[in-house]
């Protein structure tokens, strides 16, 4: 059974996207898809009885200490690899409040803001799909590696 996850685009005033670097240690990266050592949007799994927007707000707060408002769904993607299958919903926060603070997290070890056309080489595939859909103003795109 596929899981459901969210990824949240947060842009700064220079239109750069916030990405978090996952720990390289699989035990600390907490990634069912084994995306350790990659750059990712603030993201996570939807809990039972939790809406997509509630998940997005919770995960952004947990991972960055930012508060996000006015979330809009911008992307839906199938994320499938040899470890897991997720239906990932991408959202964009029209407003974010606060300052990024990783709070000594072992899951995320660094963060940065990156131009949408100059993402780090080790950006994880689910994040790339959400950003690509956002840039091309499309909700869903079939990718080559999908069945």
C-alpha atoms as a PDB file:
ATOM      1  CA  UNK A   1       0.000   0.000   0.000  1.00  0.00           C
ATOM      2  CA  UNK A   2       1.498   3.388  -0.944  1.00  0.00           C
ATOM      3  CA  UNK A   3       2.135   5.985   1.708  1.00  0.00           C
ATOM      4  CA  UNK A   4       1.089   9.619   1.383  1.00  0.00           C
ATOM      5  CA  UNK A   5       3.595  12.393   1.891  1.00  0.00           C
ATOM      6  CA  UNK A   6       3.898  16.134   1.432  1.00  0.00           C
ATOM      7  CA  UNK A   7       6.701  18.461   0.425  1.00  0.00           C
ATOM      8  CA  UNK A   8       6.497  22.214   0.955  1.00  0.00           C
ATOM      9  CA  UNK A   9       8.059  24.912  -1.212  1.00  0.00           C
ATOM     10  CA  UNK A  10       9.071  27.966   0.805  1.00  0.00           C
ATOM     11  CA  UNK A  11      10.551  30.807  -1.234  1.00  0.00           C
ATOM     12  CA  UNK A  12      12.551  33.741   0.100  1.00  0.00           C
ATOM     13  CA  UNK A  13      12.400  37.314  -1.232  1.00  0.00           C
ATOM     14  CA  UNK A  14      14.914  36.396  -3.987  1.00  0.00           C
ATOM     15  CA  UNK A  15      12.645  33.568  -5.210  1.00  0.00           C
ATOM     16  CA  UNK A  16      15.063  30.930  -3.870  1.00  0.00           C
ATOM     17  CA  UNK A  17      13.715  27.700  -2.429  1.00  0.00           C
ATOM     18  CA  UNK A  18      14.482  26.427   1.070  1.00  0.00           C
ATOM     19  CA  UNK A  19      16.074  22.963   1.069  1.00  0.00           C
ATOM     20  CA  UNK A  20      17.193  20.810   3.987  1.00  0.00           C
ATOM     21  CA  UNK A  21      20.140  18.396   3.887  1.00  0.00           C
ATOM     22  CA  UNK A  22      19.290  14.972   5.287  1.00  0.00           C
ATOM     23  CA  UNK A  23      21.787  13.197   7.476  1.00  0.00           C
ATOM     24  CA  UNK A  24      23.921  10.647   5.576  1.00  0.00           C
ATOM     25  CA  UNK A  25      23.360   8.085   8.321  1.00  0.00           C
ATOM     26  CA  UNK A  26      20.248   6.036   7.386  1.00  0.00           C
ATOM     27  CA  UNK A  27      19.353   5.550  11.055  1.00  0.00           C
ATOM     28  CA  UNK A  28      19.211   9.324  11.563  1.00  0.00           C
ATOM     29  CA  UNK A  29      17.812  10.420   8.166  1.00  0.00           C
ATOM     30  CA  UNK A  30      14.423   8.771   8.881  1.00  0.00           C
ATOM     31  CA  UNK A  31      13.631   8.143   5.216  1.00  0.00           C
ATOM     32  CA  UNK A  32      11.481   5.195   4.120  1.00  0.00           C
ATOM     33  CA  UNK A  33      12.741   5.812   0.574  1.00  0.00           C
ATOM     34  CA  UNK A  34      16.379   5.879   1.748  1.00  0.00           C
ATOM     35  CA  UNK A  35      17.034   9.465   0.675  1.00  0.00           C
ATOM     36  CA  UNK A  36      19.819  10.014   3.193  1.00  0.00           C
ATOM     37  CA  UNK A  37      22.482  12.548   2.229  1.00  0.00           C
ATOM     38  CA  UNK A  38      20.165  14.411  -0.164  1.00  0.00           C
ATOM     39  CA  UNK A  39      18.670  17.890  -0.209  1.00  0.00           C
ATOM     40  CA  UNK A  40      14.912  17.937   0.301  1.00  0.00           C
ATOM     41  CA  UNK A  41      12.021  20.287   0.805  1.00  0.00           C
ATOM     42  CA  UNK A  42      10.552  20.318   4.299  1.00  0.00           C
ATOM     43  CA  UNK A  43       8.552  17.109   3.982  1.00  0.00           C
ATOM     44  CA  UNK A  44       6.971  14.175   5.701  1.00  0.00           C
ATOM     45  CA  UNK A  45       4.300  11.527   5.946  1.00  0.00           C
ATOM     46  CA  UNK A  46       0.615  12.219   6.456  1.00  0.00           C
ATOM     47  CA  UNK A  47      -0.619  10.784   9.759  1.00  0.00           C
ATOM     48  CA  UNK A  48      -3.987   9.100  10.150  1.00  0.00           C
ATOM     49  CA  UNK A  49      -6.790  11.678  10.494  1.00  0.00           C
ATOM     50  CA  UNK A  50      -4.460  14.527   9.458  1.00  0.00           C
ATOM     51  CA  UNK A  51      -5.188  16.685   6.400  1.00  0.00           C
ATOM     52  CA  UNK A  52      -2.549  17.510   3.793  1.00  0.00           C
ATOM     53  CA  UNK A  53      -2.369  21.103   5.005  1.00  0.00           C
ATOM     54  CA  UNK A  54      -2.106  20.054   8.658  1.00  0.00           C
ATOM     55  CA  UNK A  55       0.746  17.726   7.728  1.00  0.00           C
ATOM     56  CA  UNK A  56       2.533  20.485   5.808  1.00  0.00           C
ATOM     57  CA  UNK A  57       2.206  22.958   8.693  1.00  0.00           C
ATOM     58  CA  UNK A  58       3.375  20.355  11.220  1.00  0.00           C
ATOM     59  CA  UNK A  59       6.382  19.149   9.204  1.00  0.00           C
ATOM     60  CA  UNK A  60       7.597  22.663   8.380  1.00  0.00           C
ATOM     61  CA  UNK A  61       7.371  23.641  12.064  1.00  0.00           C
ATOM     62  CA  UNK A  62       9.103  20.437  13.229  1.00  0.00           C
ATOM     63  CA  UNK A  63      11.918  20.620  10.687  1.00  0.00           C
ATOM     64  CA  UNK A  64      12.562  24.367  10.366  1.00  0.00           C
ATOM     65  CA  UNK A  65      10.693  26.138  13.194  1.00  0.00           C
ATOM     66  CA  UNK A  66       8.949  28.285  10.539  1.00  0.00           C
ATOM     67  CA  UNK A  67       5.234  28.912  10.523  1.00  0.00           C
ATOM     68  CA  UNK A  68       3.621  28.705   7.086  1.00  0.00           C
ATOM     69  CA  UNK A  69       0.316  30.133   5.925  1.00  0.00           C
ATOM     70  CA  UNK A  70      -1.840  30.181   2.811  1.00  0.00           C
ATOM     71  CA  UNK A  71      -0.749  26.792   1.497  1.00  0.00           C
ATOM     72  CA  UNK A  72      -1.733  25.835  -2.046  1.00  0.00           C
ATOM     73  CA  UNK A  73      -1.460  22.400  -3.653  1.00  0.00           C
ATOM     74  CA  UNK A  74       0.793  22.612  -6.709  1.00  0.00           C
ATOM     75  CA  UNK A  75       1.929  19.061  -7.448  1.00  0.00           C
ATOM     76  CA  UNK A  76       1.025  15.399  -7.222  1.00  0.00           C
ATOM     77  CA  UNK A  77       3.594  12.706  -8.003  1.00  0.00           C
ATOM     78  CA  UNK A  78       4.202   8.998  -7.722  1.00  0.00           C
ATOM     79  CA  UNK A  79       7.487   8.435  -5.931  1.00  0.00           C
ATOM     80  CA  UNK A  80       8.544   4.826  -6.300  1.00  0.00           C
ATOM     81  CA  UNK A  81      11.909   3.204  -5.692  1.00  0.00           C
ATOM     82  CA  UNK A  82      13.088  -0.201  -4.515  1.00  0.00           C
ATOM     83  CA  UNK A  83      12.329   0.715  -0.878  1.00  0.00           C
ATOM     84  CA  UNK A  84       8.935   2.432  -0.879  1.00  0.00           C
ATOM     85  CA  UNK A  85       6.038   3.897  -2.832  1.00  0.00           C
ATOM     86  CA  UNK A  86       4.589   7.274  -1.917  1.00  0.00           C
ATOM     87  CA  UNK A  87       2.006   9.517  -3.475  1.00  0.00           C
ATOM     88  CA  UNK A  88       3.594  12.892  -2.789  1.00  0.00           C
ATOM     89  CA  UNK A  89       1.603  16.108  -2.723  1.00  0.00           C
ATOM     90  CA  UNK A  90       3.565  19.308  -3.221  1.00  0.00           C
ATOM     91  CA  UNK A  91       2.393  22.530  -1.642  1.00  0.00           C
ATOM     92  CA  UNK A  92       3.667  26.081  -1.721  1.00  0.00           C
ATOM     93  CA  UNK A  93       3.502  28.403   1.265  1.00  0.00           C
ATOM     94  CA  UNK A  94       2.496  31.897   0.203  1.00  0.00           C
ATOM     95  CA  UNK A  95       3.748  33.180   3.559  1.00  0.00           C
ATOM     96  CA  UNK A  96       6.346  32.012   6.081  1.00  0.00           C
ATOM     97  CA  UNK A  97       7.088  33.530   9.448  1.00  0.00           C
ATOM     98  CA  UNK A  98      10.155  33.189  11.617  1.00  0.00           C
ATOM     99  CA  UNK A  99      13.772  32.194  11.126  1.00  0.00           C
ATOM    100  CA  UNK A 100      14.998  28.758  10.108  1.00  0.00           C
ATOM    101  CA  UNK A 101      16.207  26.809  13.134  1.00  0.00           C
ATOM    102  CA  UNK A 102      17.037  23.113  12.797  1.00  0.00           C
ATOM    103  CA  UNK A 103      16.934  22.832  16.610  1.00  0.00           C
ATOM    104  CA  UNK A 104      19.855  20.409  16.788  1.00  0.00           C
ATOM    105  CA  UNK A 105      18.046  17.919  14.554  1.00  0.00           C
ATOM    106  CA  UNK A 106      19.814  14.670  13.727  1.00  0.00           C
ATOM    107  CA  UNK A 107      17.551  14.167  10.704  1.00  0.00           C
ATOM    108  CA  UNK A 108      18.469  17.433   8.940  1.00  0.00           C
ATOM    109  CA  UNK A 109      22.049  18.623   9.279  1.00  0.00           C
ATOM    110  CA  UNK A 110      22.060  21.794   7.154  1.00  0.00           C
ATOM    111  CA  UNK A 111      19.831  24.097   5.135  1.00  0.00           C
ATOM    112  CA  UNK A 112      20.133  26.623   2.355  1.00  0.00           C
ATOM    113  CA  UNK A 113      18.161  28.700  -0.115  1.00  0.00           C
ATOM    114  CA  UNK A 114      18.786  27.830  -3.762  1.00  0.00           C
ATOM    115  CA  UNK A 115      17.726  29.339  -7.099  1.00  0.00           C
ATOM    116  CA  UNK A 116      15.035  27.175  -8.686  1.00  0.00           C
ATOM    117  CA  UNK A 117      17.280  26.574 -11.715  1.00  0.00           C
ATOM    118  CA  UNK A 118      20.456  25.818  -9.696  1.00  0.00           C
ATOM    119  CA  UNK A 119      19.535  23.095  -7.247  1.00  0.00           C
ATOM    120  CA  UNK A 120      22.251  20.955  -5.637  1.00  0.00           C
ATOM    121  CA  UNK A 121      23.237  17.862  -7.638  1.00  0.00           C
ATOM    122  CA  UNK A 122      22.126  15.601  -4.782  1.00  0.00           C
ATOM    123  CA  UNK A 123      18.565  16.934  -4.561  1.00  0.00           C
ATOM    124  CA  UNK A 124      16.188  14.029  -3.913  1.00  0.00           C
ATOM    125  CA  UNK A 125      13.828  12.920  -6.711  1.00  0.00           C
ATOM    126  CA  UNK A 126      10.540  13.754  -4.890  1.00  0.00           C
ATOM    127  CA  UNK A 127      11.741  17.327  -4.360  1.00  0.00           C
ATOM    128  CA  UNK A 128      12.856  17.609  -7.995  1.00  0.00           C
ATOM    129  CA  UNK A 129       9.397  16.519  -9.170  1.00  0.00           C
ATOM    130  CA  UNK A 130       7.585  19.062  -6.994  1.00  0.00           C
ATOM    131  CA  UNK A 131       9.859  21.912  -8.106  1.00  0.00           C
ATOM    132  CA  UNK A 132       9.651  20.852 -11.765  1.00  0.00           C
ATOM    133  CA  UNK A 133       5.845  20.766 -11.599  1.00  0.00           C
ATOM    134  CA  UNK A 134       5.835  24.187  -9.930  1.00  0.00           C
ATOM    135  CA  UNK A 135       8.154  25.721 -12.545  1.00  0.00           C
ATOM    136  CA  UNK A 136       6.099  24.280 -15.428  1.00  0.00           C
ATOM    137  CA  UNK A 137       2.731  25.088 -13.820  1.00  0.00           C
ATOM    138  CA  UNK A 138       1.568  21.481 -14.040  1.00  0.00           C
ATOM    139  CA  UNK A 139       0.047  19.353 -11.314  1.00  0.00           C
ATOM    140  CA  UNK A 140       1.133  15.931 -12.562  1.00  0.00           C
ATOM    141  CA  UNK A 141       3.714  14.650 -15.026  1.00  0.00           C
ATOM    142  CA  UNK A 142       4.560  11.063 -15.839  1.00  0.00           C
ATOM    143  CA  UNK A 143       8.286  10.378 -15.309  1.00  0.00           C
ATOM    144  CA  UNK A 144      10.452   7.941 -17.285  1.00  0.00           C
ATOM    145  CA  UNK A 145      11.131   5.675 -14.301  1.00  0.00           C
ATOM    146  CA  UNK A 146       7.440   5.074 -13.613  1.00  0.00           C
ATOM    147  CA  UNK A 147       5.716   1.882 -14.730  1.00  0.00           C
END
